[in-house]
Amino acid sequence: YVQAGGECESPSPRGESAVAEEAADCEDGALLTTYKS
């Protein structure tokens, strides 16, 4: 995301998610999520 131009130098991890493997908020307001499948 950062390499593509987003601002996320210090992502703030979110708590557990029923769906996402990982989730974090970026300082530019983006929510980034990853999934097992």
PDB file of all heavy atoms in Angstrom:
ATOM      1  N   TYR A   1       0.830  -1.202   0.000  1.00  0.00           N
ATOM      2  CA  TYR A   1       0.000   0.000   0.000  1.00  0.00           C
ATOM      3  C   TYR A   1       0.867   1.255   0.000  1.00  0.00           C
ATOM      4  O   TYR A   1       0.616   2.193  -0.764  1.00  0.00           O
ATOM      5  CB  TYR A   1      -0.944  -0.028   1.209  1.00  0.00           C
ATOM      6  CG  TYR A   1      -1.856   1.169   1.314  1.00  0.00           C
ATOM      7  CD1 TYR A   1      -2.859   1.388   0.377  1.00  0.00           C
ATOM      8  CD2 TYR A   1      -1.722   2.078   2.351  1.00  0.00           C
ATOM      9  CE1 TYR A   1      -3.694   2.480   0.473  1.00  0.00           C
ATOM     10  CE2 TYR A   1      -2.558   3.168   2.457  1.00  0.00           C
ATOM     11  CZ  TYR A   1      -3.542   3.366   1.514  1.00  0.00           C
ATOM     12  OH  TYR A   1      -4.372   4.454   1.607  1.00  0.00           O
ATOM     13  N   VAL A   2       1.888   1.282   0.803  1.00  0.00           N
ATOM     14  CA  VAL A   2       2.780   2.443   0.868  1.00  0.00           C
ATOM     15  C   VAL A   2       3.518   2.596  -0.456  1.00  0.00           C
ATOM     16  O   VAL A   2       3.626   3.697  -0.992  1.00  0.00           O
ATOM     17  CB  VAL A   2       3.759   2.322   2.058  1.00  0.00           C
ATOM     18  CG1 VAL A   2       4.825   3.403   2.005  1.00  0.00           C
ATOM     19  CG2 VAL A   2       3.005   2.388   3.380  1.00  0.00           C
ATOM     20  N   GLN A   3       4.010   1.511  -1.018  1.00  0.00           N
ATOM     21  CA  GLN A   3       4.721   1.570  -2.301  1.00  0.00           C
ATOM     22  C   GLN A   3       3.804   2.053  -3.419  1.00  0.00           C
ATOM     23  O   GLN A   3       4.268   2.642  -4.383  1.00  0.00           O
ATOM     24  CB  GLN A   3       5.307   0.212  -2.651  1.00  0.00           C
ATOM     25  CG  GLN A   3       6.461  -0.176  -1.760  1.00  0.00           C
ATOM     26  CD  GLN A   3       6.943  -1.587  -2.025  1.00  0.00           C
ATOM     27  OE1 GLN A   3       6.276  -2.389  -2.668  1.00  0.00           O
ATOM     28  NE2 GLN A   3       8.127  -1.880  -1.520  1.00  0.00           N
ATOM     29  N   ALA A   4       2.493   1.827  -3.279  1.00  0.00           N
ATOM     30  CA  ALA A   4       1.526   2.268  -4.282  1.00  0.00           C
ATOM     31  C   ALA A   4       1.091   3.715  -4.071  1.00  0.00           C
ATOM     32  O   ALA A   4       0.297   4.239  -4.842  1.00  0.00           O
ATOM     33  CB  ALA A   4       0.304   1.351  -4.263  1.00  0.00           C
ATOM     34  N   GLY A   5       1.586   4.365  -3.010  1.00  0.00           N
ATOM     35  CA  GLY A   5       1.271   5.774  -2.786  1.00  0.00           C
ATOM     36  C   GLY A   5       0.442   6.054  -1.551  1.00  0.00           C
ATOM     37  O   GLY A   5       0.150   7.205  -1.255  1.00  0.00           O
ATOM     38  N   GLY A   6       0.041   5.025  -0.827  1.00  0.00           N
ATOM     39  CA  GLY A   6      -0.740   5.221   0.397  1.00  0.00           C
ATOM     40  C   GLY A   6       0.147   5.652   1.552  1.00  0.00           C
ATOM     41  O   GLY A   6       1.357   5.443   1.537  1.00  0.00           O
ATOM     42  N   GLU A   7      -0.462   6.261   2.549  1.00  0.00           N
ATOM     43  CA  GLU A   7       0.274   6.694   3.740  1.00  0.00           C
ATOM     44  C   GLU A   7      -0.063   5.747   4.881  1.00  0.00           C
ATOM     45  O   GLU A   7      -1.175   5.755   5.398  1.00  0.00           O
ATOM     46  CB  GLU A   7      -0.106   8.121   4.102  1.00  0.00           C
ATOM     47  CG  GLU A   7       0.340   9.143   3.067  1.00  0.00           C
ATOM     48  CD  GLU A   7      -0.041  10.548   3.463  1.00  0.00           C
ATOM     49  OE1 GLU A   7      -0.045  10.857   4.669  1.00  0.00           O
ATOM     50  OE2 GLU A   7      -0.351  11.322   2.555  1.00  0.00           O
ATOM     51  N   CYS A   8       0.932   4.942   5.271  1.00  0.00           N
ATOM     52  CA  CYS A   8       0.694   3.975   6.332  1.00  0.00           C
ATOM     53  C   CYS A   8       2.020   3.590   6.967  1.00  0.00           C
ATOM     54  O   CYS A   8       2.405   2.431   6.993  1.00  0.00           O
ATOM     55  CB  CYS A   8      -0.029   2.745   5.791  1.00  0.00           C
ATOM     56  SG  CYS A   8      -0.794   1.765   7.090  1.00  0.00           S
ATOM     57  N   GLU A   9       2.709   4.581   7.486  1.00  0.00           N
ATOM     58  CA  GLU A   9       4.004   4.338   8.117  1.00  0.00           C
ATOM     59  C   GLU A   9       3.854   3.675   9.476  1.00  0.00           C
ATOM     60  O   GLU A   9       4.712   2.916   9.900  1.00  0.00           O
ATOM     61  CB  GLU A   9       4.783   5.655   8.249  1.00  0.00           C
ATOM     62  CG  GLU A   9       5.079   6.331   6.919  1.00  0.00           C
ATOM     63  CD  GLU A   9       5.856   5.453   5.942  1.00  0.00           C
ATOM     64  OE1 GLU A   9       6.754   4.711   6.373  1.00  0.00           O
ATOM     65  OE2 GLU A   9       5.538   5.517   4.742  1.00  0.00           O
ATOM     66  N   SER A  10       2.745   3.954  10.165  1.00  0.00           N
ATOM     67  CA  SER A  10       2.522   3.394  11.508  1.00  0.00           C
ATOM     68  C   SER A  10       1.122   2.800  11.583  1.00  0.00           C
ATOM     69  O   SER A  10       0.215   3.372  12.198  1.00  0.00           O
ATOM     70  CB  SER A  10       2.667   4.487  12.567  1.00  0.00           C
ATOM     71  OG  SER A  10       3.939   5.072  12.514  1.00  0.00           O
ATOM     72  N   PRO A  11       0.904   1.630  10.964  1.00  0.00           N
ATOM     73  CA  PRO A  11      -0.439   1.038  11.000  1.00  0.00           C
ATOM     74  C   PRO A  11      -0.864   0.701  12.430  1.00  0.00           C
ATOM     75  O   PRO A  11      -0.054   0.261  13.238  1.00  0.00           O
ATOM     76  CB  PRO A  11      -0.317  -0.215  10.150  1.00  0.00           C
ATOM     77  CG  PRO A  11       1.137  -0.468   9.994  1.00  0.00           C
ATOM     78  CD  PRO A  11       1.855   0.811  10.255  1.00  0.00           C
ATOM     79  N   SER A  12      -2.136   0.940  12.729  1.00  0.00           N
ATOM     80  CA  SER A  12      -2.703   0.627  14.044  1.00  0.00           C
ATOM     81  C   SER A  12      -3.514  -0.655  13.916  1.00  0.00           C
ATOM     82  O   SER A  12      -4.606  -0.648  13.342  1.00  0.00           O
ATOM     83  CB  SER A  12      -3.621   1.754  14.515  1.00  0.00           C
ATOM     84  OG  SER A  12      -2.905   2.955  14.619  1.00  0.00           O
ATOM     85  N   PRO A  13      -2.990  -1.772  14.434  1.00  0.00           N
ATOM     86  CA  PRO A  13      -3.717  -3.044  14.315  1.00  0.00           C
ATOM     87  C   PRO A  13      -5.083  -2.970  14.987  1.00  0.00           C
ATOM     88  O   PRO A  13      -5.248  -2.339  16.028  1.00  0.00           O
ATOM     89  CB  PRO A  13      -2.814  -4.047  15.034  1.00  0.00           C
ATOM     90  CG  PRO A  13      -1.467  -3.401  15.074  1.00  0.00           C
ATOM     91  CD  PRO A  13      -1.717  -1.923  15.125  1.00  0.00           C
ATOM     92  N   ARG A  14      -6.051  -3.607  14.352  1.00  0.00           N
ATOM     93  CA  ARG A  14      -7.379  -3.731  14.938  1.00  0.00           C
ATOM     94  C   ARG A  14      -7.431  -5.030  15.725  1.00  0.00           C
ATOM     95  O   ARG A  14      -6.613  -5.925  15.525  1.00  0.00           O
ATOM     96  CB  ARG A  14      -8.447  -3.761  13.849  1.00  0.00           C
ATOM     97  CG  ARG A  14      -8.679  -2.412  13.219  1.00  0.00           C
ATOM     98  CD  ARG A  14      -9.971  -2.419  12.445  1.00  0.00           C
ATOM     99  NE  ARG A  14     -10.270  -1.082  11.959  1.00  0.00           N
ATOM    100  CZ  ARG A  14     -11.413  -0.760  11.407  1.00  0.00           C
ATOM    101  NH1 ARG A  14     -12.358  -1.659  11.257  1.00  0.00           N
ATOM    102  NH2 ARG A  14     -11.627   0.467  10.984  1.00  0.00           N
ATOM    103  N   GLY A  15      -8.420  -5.162  16.557  1.00  0.00           N
ATOM    104  CA  GLY A  15      -8.612  -6.382  17.334  1.00  0.00           C
ATOM    105  C   GLY A  15      -8.982  -7.552  16.441  1.00  0.00           C
ATOM    106  O   GLY A  15      -8.986  -7.454  15.213  1.00  0.00           O
ATOM    107  N   GLU A  16      -9.314  -8.668  17.052  1.00  0.00           N
ATOM    108  CA  GLU A  16      -9.663  -9.868  16.310  1.00  0.00           C
ATOM    109  C   GLU A  16     -10.851  -9.625  15.393  1.00  0.00           C
ATOM    110  O   GLU A  16     -11.747  -8.864  15.705  1.00  0.00           O
ATOM    111  CB  GLU A  16      -9.995 -11.000  17.277  1.00  0.00           C
ATOM    112  CG  GLU A  16      -8.774 -11.549  17.972  1.00  0.00           C
ATOM    113  CD  GLU A  16      -9.103 -12.789  18.762  1.00  0.00           C
ATOM    114  OE1 GLU A  16      -9.952 -13.588  18.327  1.00  0.00           O
ATOM    115  OE2 GLU A  16      -8.502 -12.952  19.835  1.00  0.00           O
ATOM    116  N   SER A  17     -10.815 -10.320  14.262  1.00  0.00           N
ATOM    117  CA  SER A  17     -11.880 -10.230  13.273  1.00  0.00           C
ATOM    118  C   SER A  17     -12.369 -11.631  12.959  1.00  0.00           C
ATOM    119  O   SER A  17     -11.580 -12.567  12.897  1.00  0.00           O
ATOM    120  CB  SER A  17     -11.342  -9.566  11.997  1.00  0.00           C
ATOM    121  OG  SER A  17     -12.255  -9.718  10.937  1.00  0.00           O
ATOM    122  N   ALA A  18     -13.666 -11.763  12.754  1.00  0.00           N
ATOM    123  CA  ALA A  18     -14.233 -13.061  12.412  1.00  0.00           C
ATOM    124  C   ALA A  18     -13.856 -13.483  10.992  1.00  0.00           C
ATOM    125  O   ALA A  18     -13.885 -14.660  10.679  1.00  0.00           O
ATOM    126  CB  ALA A  18     -15.751 -13.016  12.555  1.00  0.00           C
ATOM    127  N   VAL A  19     -13.481 -12.529  10.152  1.00  0.00           N
ATOM    128  CA  VAL A  19     -13.218 -12.833   8.752  1.00  0.00           C
ATOM    129  C   VAL A  19     -11.756 -12.578   8.381  1.00  0.00           C
ATOM    130  O   VAL A  19     -11.106 -13.427   7.786  1.00  0.00           O
ATOM    131  CB  VAL A  19     -14.147 -12.008   7.831  1.00  0.00           C
ATOM    132  CG1 VAL A  19     -13.891 -12.315   6.380  1.00  0.00           C
ATOM    133  CG2 VAL A  19     -15.603 -12.272   8.176  1.00  0.00           C
ATOM    134  N   ALA A  20     -11.232 -11.421   8.724  1.00  0.00           N
ATOM    135  CA  ALA A  20      -9.873 -11.032   8.305  1.00  0.00           C
ATOM    136  C   ALA A  20      -8.811 -11.727   9.145  1.00  0.00           C
ATOM    137  O   ALA A  20      -8.978 -11.941  10.346  1.00  0.00           O
ATOM    138  CB  ALA A  20      -9.705  -9.521   8.409  1.00  0.00           C
ATOM    139  N   GLU A  21      -7.715 -12.066   8.493  1.00  0.00           N
ATOM    140  CA  GLU A  21      -6.547 -12.603   9.188  1.00  0.00           C
ATOM    141  C   GLU A  21      -5.881 -11.487   9.987  1.00  0.00           C
ATOM    142  O   GLU A  21      -5.540 -11.658  11.145  1.00  0.00           O
ATOM    143  CB  GLU A  21      -5.574 -13.192   8.155  1.00  0.00           C
ATOM    144  CG  GLU A  21      -4.292 -13.717   8.723  1.00  0.00           C
ATOM    145  CD  GLU A  21      -4.464 -15.026   9.491  1.00  0.00           C
ATOM    146  OE1 GLU A  21      -5.535 -15.641   9.426  1.00  0.00           O
ATOM    147  OE2 GLU A  21      -3.512 -15.400  10.171  1.00  0.00           O
ATOM    148  N   GLU A  22      -5.685 -10.346   9.318  1.00  0.00           N
ATOM    149  CA  GLU A  22      -5.118  -9.163   9.954  1.00  0.00           C
ATOM    150  C   GLU A  22      -5.882  -7.941   9.463  1.00  0.00           C
ATOM    151  O   GLU A  22      -6.355  -7.922   8.332  1.00  0.00           O
ATOM    152  CB  GLU A  22      -3.642  -8.993   9.579  1.00  0.00           C
ATOM    153  CG  GLU A  22      -2.735 -10.086  10.078  1.00  0.00           C
ATOM    154  CD  GLU A  22      -1.305  -9.865   9.643  1.00  0.00           C
ATOM    155  OE1 GLU A  22      -1.053  -9.867   8.420  1.00  0.00           O
ATOM    156  OE2 GLU A  22      -0.457  -9.663  10.524  1.00  0.00           O
ATOM    157  N   ALA A  23      -5.960  -6.928  10.306  1.00  0.00           N
ATOM    158  CA  ALA A  23      -6.612  -5.677   9.940  1.00  0.00           C
ATOM    159  C   ALA A  23      -5.890  -4.538  10.648  1.00  0.00           C
ATOM    160  O   ALA A  23      -5.523  -4.665  11.815  1.00  0.00           O
ATOM    161  CB  ALA A  23      -8.087  -5.692  10.333  1.00  0.00           C
ATOM    162  N   ALA A  24      -5.667  -3.441   9.906  1.00  0.00           N
ATOM    163  CA  ALA A  24      -4.994  -2.288  10.501  1.00  0.00           C
ATOM    164  C   ALA A  24      -5.501  -1.012   9.851  1.00  0.00           C
ATOM    165  O   ALA A  24      -5.841  -0.986   8.669  1.00  0.00           O
ATOM    166  CB  ALA A  24      -3.484  -2.405  10.323  1.00  0.00           C
ATOM    167  N   ASP A  25      -5.535   0.054  10.657  1.00  0.00           N
ATOM    168  CA  ASP A  25      -5.895   1.381  10.174  1.00  0.00           C
ATOM    169  C   ASP A  25      -4.619   2.171   9.904  1.00  0.00           C
ATOM    170  O   ASP A  25      -3.654   2.074  10.662  1.00  0.00           O
ATOM    171  CB  ASP A  25      -6.726   2.117  11.231  1.00  0.00           C
ATOM    172  CG  ASP A  25      -8.077   1.467  11.436  1.00  0.00           C
ATOM    173  OD1 ASP A  25      -8.877   1.496  10.483  1.00  0.00           O
ATOM    174  OD2 ASP A  25      -8.327   0.929  12.531  1.00  0.00           O
ATOM    175  N   CYS A  26      -4.647   2.944   8.837  1.00  0.00           N
ATOM    176  CA  CYS A  26      -3.508   3.789   8.477  1.00  0.00           C
ATOM    177  C   CYS A  26      -3.807   5.245   8.809  1.00  0.00           C
ATOM    178  O   CYS A  26      -4.970   5.633   8.928  1.00  0.00           O
ATOM    179  CB  CYS A  26      -3.218   3.669   6.978  1.00  0.00           C
ATOM    180  SG  CYS A  26      -2.727   2.018   6.483  1.00  0.00           S
ATOM    181  N   GLU A  27      -2.745   6.033   8.904  1.00  0.00           N
ATOM    182  CA  GLU A  27      -2.935   7.440   9.244  1.00  0.00           C
ATOM    183  C   GLU A  27      -3.689   8.212   8.164  1.00  0.00           C
ATOM    184  O   GLU A  27      -4.255   9.258   8.441  1.00  0.00           O
ATOM    185  CB  GLU A  27      -1.605   8.126   9.597  1.00  0.00           C
ATOM    186  CG  GLU A  27      -0.488   7.925   8.635  1.00  0.00           C
ATOM    187  CD  GLU A  27       0.397   6.713   8.953  1.00  0.00           C
ATOM    188  OE1 GLU A  27       0.015   5.838   9.721  1.00  0.00           O
ATOM    189  OE2 GLU A  27       1.480   6.645   8.396  1.00  0.00           O
ATOM    190  N   ASP A  28      -3.746   7.699   6.930  1.00  0.00           N
ATOM    191  CA  ASP A  28      -4.502   8.387   5.884  1.00  0.00           C
ATOM    192  C   ASP A  28      -5.974   7.948   5.855  1.00  0.00           C
ATOM    193  O   ASP A  28      -6.724   8.328   4.976  1.00  0.00           O
ATOM    194  CB  ASP A  28      -3.848   8.205   4.515  1.00  0.00           C
ATOM    195  CG  ASP A  28      -3.896   6.778   3.986  1.00  0.00           C
ATOM    196  OD1 ASP A  28      -4.397   5.876   4.687  1.00  0.00           O
ATOM    197  OD2 ASP A  28      -3.421   6.562   2.849  1.00  0.00           O
ATOM    198  N   GLY A  29      -6.387   7.130   6.846  1.00  0.00           N
ATOM    199  CA  GLY A  29      -7.776   6.705   6.948  1.00  0.00           C
ATOM    200  C   GLY A  29      -8.078   5.367   6.300  1.00  0.00           C
ATOM    201  O   GLY A  29      -9.197   4.875   6.389  1.00  0.00           O
ATOM    202  N   ALA A  30      -7.094   4.750   5.653  1.00  0.00           N
ATOM    203  CA  ALA A  30      -7.307   3.469   4.990  1.00  0.00           C
ATOM    204  C   ALA A  30      -7.435   2.348   6.015  1.00  0.00           C
ATOM    205  O   ALA A  30      -6.769   2.357   7.050  1.00  0.00           O
ATOM    206  CB  ALA A  30      -6.154   3.163   4.045  1.00  0.00           C
ATOM    207  N   LEU A  31      -8.271   1.376   5.685  1.00  0.00           N
ATOM    208  CA  LEU A  31      -8.350   0.138   6.439  1.00  0.00           C
ATOM    209  C   LEU A  31      -7.759  -0.938   5.539  1.00  0.00           C
ATOM    210  O   LEU A  31      -8.252  -1.176   4.430  1.00  0.00           O
ATOM    211  CB  LEU A  31      -9.792  -0.208   6.807  1.00  0.00           C
ATOM    212  CG  LEU A  31     -10.016  -1.615   7.381  1.00  0.00           C
ATOM    213  CD1 LEU A  31      -9.212  -1.821   8.676  1.00  0.00           C
ATOM    214  CD2 LEU A  31     -11.499  -1.856   7.617  1.00  0.00           C
ATOM    215  N   LEU A  32      -6.697  -1.577   5.992  1.00  0.00           N
ATOM    216  CA  LEU A  32      -6.039  -2.643   5.245  1.00  0.00           C
ATOM    217  C   LEU A  32      -6.373  -3.969   5.913  1.00  0.00           C
ATOM    218  O   LEU A  32      -6.239  -4.097   7.128  1.00  0.00           O
ATOM    219  CB  LEU A  32      -4.520  -2.450   5.240  1.00  0.00           C
ATOM    220  CG  LEU A  32      -3.999  -1.071   4.844  1.00  0.00           C
ATOM    221  CD1 LEU A  32      -2.475  -1.046   4.917  1.00  0.00           C
ATOM    222  CD2 LEU A  32      -4.470  -0.693   3.457  1.00  0.00           C
ATOM    223  N   THR A  33      -6.812  -4.944   5.119  1.00  0.00           N
ATOM    224  CA  THR A  33      -7.131  -6.251   5.674  1.00  0.00           C
ATOM    225  C   THR A  33      -6.533  -7.346   4.793  1.00  0.00           C
ATOM    226  O   THR A  33      -6.434  -7.188   3.578  1.00  0.00           O
ATOM    227  CB  THR A  33      -8.657  -6.464   5.782  1.00  0.00           C
ATOM    228  OG1 THR A  33      -9.269  -6.169   4.522  1.00  0.00           O
ATOM    229  CG2 THR A  33      -9.268  -5.577   6.845  1.00  0.00           C
ATOM    230  N   THR A  34      -6.119  -8.442   5.438  1.00  0.00           N
ATOM    231  CA  THR A  34      -5.627  -9.615   4.712  1.00  0.00           C
ATOM    232  C   THR A  34      -6.477 -10.810   5.118  1.00  0.00           C
ATOM    233  O   THR A  34      -7.084 -10.830   6.197  1.00  0.00           O
ATOM    234  CB  THR A  34      -4.144  -9.901   5.011  1.00  0.00           C
ATOM    235  OG1 THR A  34      -3.986 -10.146   6.408  1.00  0.00           O
ATOM    236  CG2 THR A  34      -3.262  -8.736   4.573  1.00  0.00           C
ATOM    237  N   TYR A  35      -6.493 -11.826   4.246  1.00  0.00           N
ATOM    238  CA  TYR A  35      -7.358 -12.987   4.426  1.00  0.00           C
ATOM    239  C   TYR A  35      -6.607 -14.278   4.138  1.00  0.00           C
ATOM    240  O   TYR A  35      -5.675 -14.291   3.321  1.00  0.00           O
ATOM    241  CB  TYR A  35      -8.595 -12.873   3.503  1.00  0.00           C
ATOM    242  CG  TYR A  35      -9.331 -11.596   3.768  1.00  0.00           C
ATOM    243  CD1 TYR A  35      -8.990 -10.421   3.097  1.00  0.00           C
ATOM    244  CD2 TYR A  35     -10.320 -11.530   4.724  1.00  0.00           C
ATOM    245  CE1 TYR A  35      -9.614  -9.222   3.382  1.00  0.00           C
ATOM    246  CE2 TYR A  35     -10.953 -10.343   5.018  1.00  0.00           C
ATOM    247  CZ  TYR A  35     -10.598  -9.195   4.342  1.00  0.00           C
ATOM    248  OH  TYR A  35     -11.220  -8.017   4.632  1.00  0.00           O
ATOM    249  N   LYS A  36      -7.028 -15.362   4.793  1.00  0.00           N
ATOM    250  CA  LYS A  36      -6.401 -16.667   4.583  1.00  0.00           C
ATOM    251  C   LYS A  36      -6.753 -17.254   3.231  1.00  0.00           C
ATOM    252  O   LYS A  36      -6.038 -18.096   2.717  1.00  0.00           O
ATOM    253  CB  LYS A  36      -6.831 -17.651   5.675  1.00  0.00           C
ATOM    254  CG  LYS A  36      -6.170 -17.413   6.998  1.00  0.00           C
ATOM    255  CD  LYS A  36      -6.541 -18.513   7.973  1.00  0.00           C
ATOM    256  CE  LYS A  36      -5.811 -18.308   9.285  1.00  0.00           C
ATOM    257  NZ  LYS A  36      -6.100 -19.366  10.245  1.00  0.00           N
ATOM    258  N   SER A  37      -7.867 -16.810   2.647  1.00  0.00           N
ATOM    259  CA  SER A  37      -8.311 -17.381   1.371  1.00  0.00           C
ATOM    260  C   SER A  37      -9.154 -16.366   0.606  1.00  0.00           C
ATOM    261  O   SER A  37      -9.655 -15.388   1.183  1.00  0.00           O
ATOM    262  CB  SER A  37      -9.149 -18.640   1.619  1.00  0.00           C
ATOM    263  OG  SER A  37     -10.369 -18.305   2.261  1.00  0.00           O
TER     264      SER A  37
END
